[in-house]
C-alpha atoms as a PDB file:
ATOM      1  CA  MET A   1     -17.754  33.223  20.828  1.00  0.00           C
ATOM      2  CA  THR A   2     -14.538  34.421  19.273  1.00  0.00           C
ATOM      3  CA  LYS A   3     -14.144  37.602  17.274  1.00  0.00           C
ATOM      4  CA  THR A   4     -13.751  35.618  14.050  1.00  0.00           C
ATOM      5  CA  ASN A   5     -17.021  33.768  14.661  1.00  0.00           C
ATOM      6  CA  LYS A   6     -18.843  37.021  15.349  1.00  0.00           C
ATOM      7  CA  ILE A   7     -17.556  38.562  12.126  1.00  0.00           C
ATOM      8  CA  ALA A   8     -18.510  35.465  10.123  1.00  0.00           C
ATOM      9  CA  LEU A   9     -21.984  35.413  11.676  1.00  0.00           C
ATOM     10  CA  ALA A  10     -22.498  39.123  10.952  1.00  0.00           C
ATOM     11  CA  ALA A  11     -21.349  38.656   7.334  1.00  0.00           C
ATOM     12  CA  LEU A  12     -23.715  35.709   6.888  1.00  0.00           C
ATOM     13  CA  ALA A  13     -26.638  37.644   8.340  1.00  0.00           C
ATOM     14  CA  LEU A  14     -25.889  40.629   6.111  1.00  0.00           C
ATOM     15  CA  ALA A  15     -25.659  38.395   3.038  1.00  0.00           C
ATOM     16  CA  LEU A  16     -28.970  36.705   3.827  1.00  0.00           C
ATOM     17  CA  ILE A  17     -30.807  39.921   4.628  1.00  0.00           C
ATOM     18  CA  SER A  18     -29.534  41.711   1.530  1.00  0.00           C
ATOM     19  CA  THR A  19     -30.977  39.015  -0.745  1.00  0.00           C
ATOM     20  CA  GLY A  20     -34.429  40.266   0.171  1.00  0.00           C
ATOM     21  CA  PHE A  21     -33.675  43.532  -1.623  1.00  0.00           C
ATOM     22  CA  ALA A  22     -31.879  41.981  -4.590  1.00  0.00           C
ATOM     23  CA  GLN A  23     -34.634  42.160  -7.173  1.00  0.00           C
ATOM     24  CA  THR A  24     -37.635  44.391  -7.569  1.00  0.00           C
ATOM     25  CA  ALA A  25     -40.910  42.804  -8.509  1.00  0.00           C
ATOM     26  CA  VAL A  26     -42.695  43.759 -11.714  1.00  0.00           C
ATOM     27  CA  VAL A  27     -46.223  44.653 -10.679  1.00  0.00           C
ATOM     28  CA  PRO A  28     -48.937  44.049 -13.247  1.00  0.00           C
ATOM     29  CA  ALA A  29     -51.484  46.855 -13.484  1.00  0.00           C
ATOM     30  CA  THR A  30     -54.397  44.567 -12.587  1.00  0.00           C
ATOM     31  CA  THR A  31     -53.068  42.695  -9.534  1.00  0.00           C
ATOM     32  CA  ALA A  32     -51.295  43.761  -6.371  1.00  0.00           C
ATOM     33  CA  VAL A  33     -48.142  41.799  -5.503  1.00  0.00           C
ATOM     34  CA  ASN A  34     -46.586  41.608  -2.064  1.00  0.00           C
ATOM     35  CA  SER A  35     -43.368  43.612  -2.375  1.00  0.00           C
ATOM     36  CA  ASN A  36     -41.890  42.023   0.761  1.00  0.00           C
ATOM     37  CA  GLY A  37     -41.690  38.524  -0.725  1.00  0.00           C
ATOM     38  CA  GLY A  38     -37.905  38.362  -0.470  1.00  0.00           C
ATOM     39  CA  LEU A  39     -37.877  39.353   3.186  1.00  0.00           C
ATOM     40  CA  ILE A  40     -40.641  36.883   3.960  1.00  0.00           C
ATOM     41  CA  ALA A  41     -38.627  34.133   2.268  1.00  0.00           C
ATOM     42  CA  VAL A  42     -35.555  35.054   4.334  1.00  0.00           C
ATOM     43  CA  GLY A  43     -37.670  34.998   7.492  1.00  0.00           C
ATOM     44  CA  ALA A  44     -39.108  31.613   6.614  1.00  0.00           C
ATOM     45  CA  GLY A  45     -35.642  30.206   5.973  1.00  0.00           C
ATOM     46  CA  LEU A  46     -34.313  31.621   9.217  1.00  0.00           C
ATOM     47  CA  ALA A  47     -37.278  30.219  11.160  1.00  0.00           C
ATOM     48  CA  LEU A  48     -36.534  26.719   9.958  1.00  0.00           C
ATOM     49  CA  GLY A  49     -32.744  26.933   9.770  1.00  0.00           C
ATOM     50  CA  LEU A  50     -32.081  28.489  13.162  1.00  0.00           C
ATOM     51  CA  GLY A  51     -34.587  26.155  14.794  1.00  0.00           C
ATOM     52  CA  ALA A  52     -32.768  23.173  13.297  1.00  0.00           C
ATOM     53  CA  ILE A  53     -29.359  24.478  14.403  1.00  0.00           C
ATOM     54  CA  GLY A  54     -30.609  25.059  17.949  1.00  0.00           C
ATOM     55  CA  THR A  55     -32.134  21.622  18.082  1.00  0.00           C
ATOM     56  CA  GLY A  56     -28.948  20.010  16.829  1.00  0.00           C
ATOM     57  CA  LEU A  57     -26.877  21.742  19.482  1.00  0.00           C
ATOM     58  CA  ALA A  58     -29.323  20.806  22.233  1.00  0.00           C
ATOM     59  CA  GLN A  59     -29.707  17.197  21.152  1.00  0.00           C
ATOM     60  CA  GLY A  60     -25.946  16.746  20.928  1.00  0.00           C
ATOM     61  CA  ARG A  61     -25.505  17.634  24.577  1.00  0.00           C
ATOM     62  CA  ILE A  62     -28.635  15.837  25.740  1.00  0.00           C
ATOM     63  CA  GLY A  63     -27.683  12.718  23.774  1.00  0.00           C
ATOM     64  CA  ALA A  64     -24.266  12.580  25.387  1.00  0.00           C
ATOM     65  CA  ALA A  65     -25.780  12.940  28.851  1.00  0.00           C
ATOM     66  CA  ALA A  66     -28.504  10.403  28.072  1.00  0.00           C
ATOM     67  CA  ALA A  67     -25.921   7.856  26.934  1.00  0.00           C
ATOM     68  CA  GLY A  68     -24.065   8.287  30.230  1.00  0.00           C
ATOM     69  CA  VAL A  69     -27.205   7.962  32.336  1.00  0.00           C
ATOM     70  CA  THR A  70     -28.378   4.911  30.398  1.00  0.00           C
ATOM     71  CA  ALA A  71     -24.972   3.268  30.802  1.00  0.00           C
ATOM     72  CA  GLU A  72     -25.183   3.685  34.564  1.00  0.00           C
ATOM     73  CA  ASN A  73     -28.885   2.850  34.953  1.00  0.00           C
ATOM     74  CA  PRO A  74     -30.591   1.090  31.989  1.00  0.00           C
ATOM     75  CA  GLY A  75     -33.988   1.547  33.638  1.00  0.00           C
ATOM     76  CA  ARG A  76     -33.894   5.259  32.832  1.00  0.00           C
ATOM     77  CA  LEU A  77     -33.803   4.745  29.046  1.00  0.00           C
ATOM     78  CA  GLY A  78     -37.453   5.774  28.553  1.00  0.00           C
ATOM     79  CA  LEU A  79     -37.008   8.986  30.510  1.00  0.00           C
ATOM     80  CA  MET A  80     -33.837   9.821  28.603  1.00  0.00           C
ATOM     81  CA  LEU A  81     -35.604   9.264  25.256  1.00  0.00           C
ATOM     82  CA  LEU A  82     -38.292  11.688  26.398  1.00  0.00           C
ATOM     83  CA  TRP A  83     -35.683  14.336  27.270  1.00  0.00           C
ATOM     84  CA  PHE A  84     -33.992  13.698  23.929  1.00  0.00           C
ATOM     85  CA  ALA A  85     -37.248  14.267  21.999  1.00  0.00           C
ATOM     86  CA  ILE A  86     -38.265  17.522  23.703  1.00  0.00           C
ATOM     87  CA  PRO A  87     -35.937  19.837  21.669  1.00  0.00           C
ATOM     88  CA  GLU A  88     -37.386  18.389  18.465  1.00  0.00           C
ATOM     89  CA  THR A  89     -40.488  20.525  19.093  1.00  0.00           C
ATOM     90  CA  LEU A  90     -38.338  23.558  18.244  1.00  0.00           C
ATOM     91  CA  VAL A  91     -37.886  22.255  14.699  1.00  0.00           C
ATOM     92  CA  ILE A  92     -41.603  21.510  14.457  1.00  0.00           C
ATOM     93  CA  PHE A  93     -42.430  25.100  15.472  1.00  0.00           C
ATOM     94  CA  GLY A  94     -39.885  26.367  12.946  1.00  0.00           C
ATOM     95  CA  LEU A  95     -41.464  24.196  10.255  1.00  0.00           C
ATOM     96  CA  VAL A  96     -44.916  25.538  11.088  1.00  0.00           C
ATOM     97  CA  GLY A  97     -43.569  29.091  10.887  1.00  0.00           C
ATOM     98  CA  PHE A  98     -41.893  28.250   7.582  1.00  0.00           C
ATOM     99  CA  PHE A  99     -45.154  27.069   6.046  1.00  0.00           C
ATOM    100  CA  ILE A 100     -47.122  30.008   7.438  1.00  0.00           C
ATOM    101  CA  LEU A 101     -44.625  32.509   6.044  1.00  0.00           C
ATOM    102  CA  SER A 102     -44.149  30.770   2.706  1.00  0.00           C
ATOM    103  CA  GLY A 103     -47.923  30.906   2.193  1.00  0.00           C
ATOM    104  CA  LYS A 104     -47.690  34.717   2.259  1.00  0.00           C
ATOM    105  CA  ILE A 105     -45.224  35.016  -0.623  1.00  0.00           C
END
């Protein structure tokens, strides 16, 4: 990872994290409100977004390898589809985490 990419990633993380502190909640006298709603929303977005980015990177490489294997031996297509589908579970786990966290806001 180059120095420019590290700086851009750090700036993005700082921008996303700081949005959790952007606005204070007005708390009615009769009900208690979760004051960490912004941070929970950032966490839910990161759970889904980073899972999707990781899956995209993994499936890009696995898809290229699967295309090569299938070109050489068409009988291995089913096995290659299985290997291609395995990283998709990362997005499913991220989606589950997203819904669990967004239920706490």
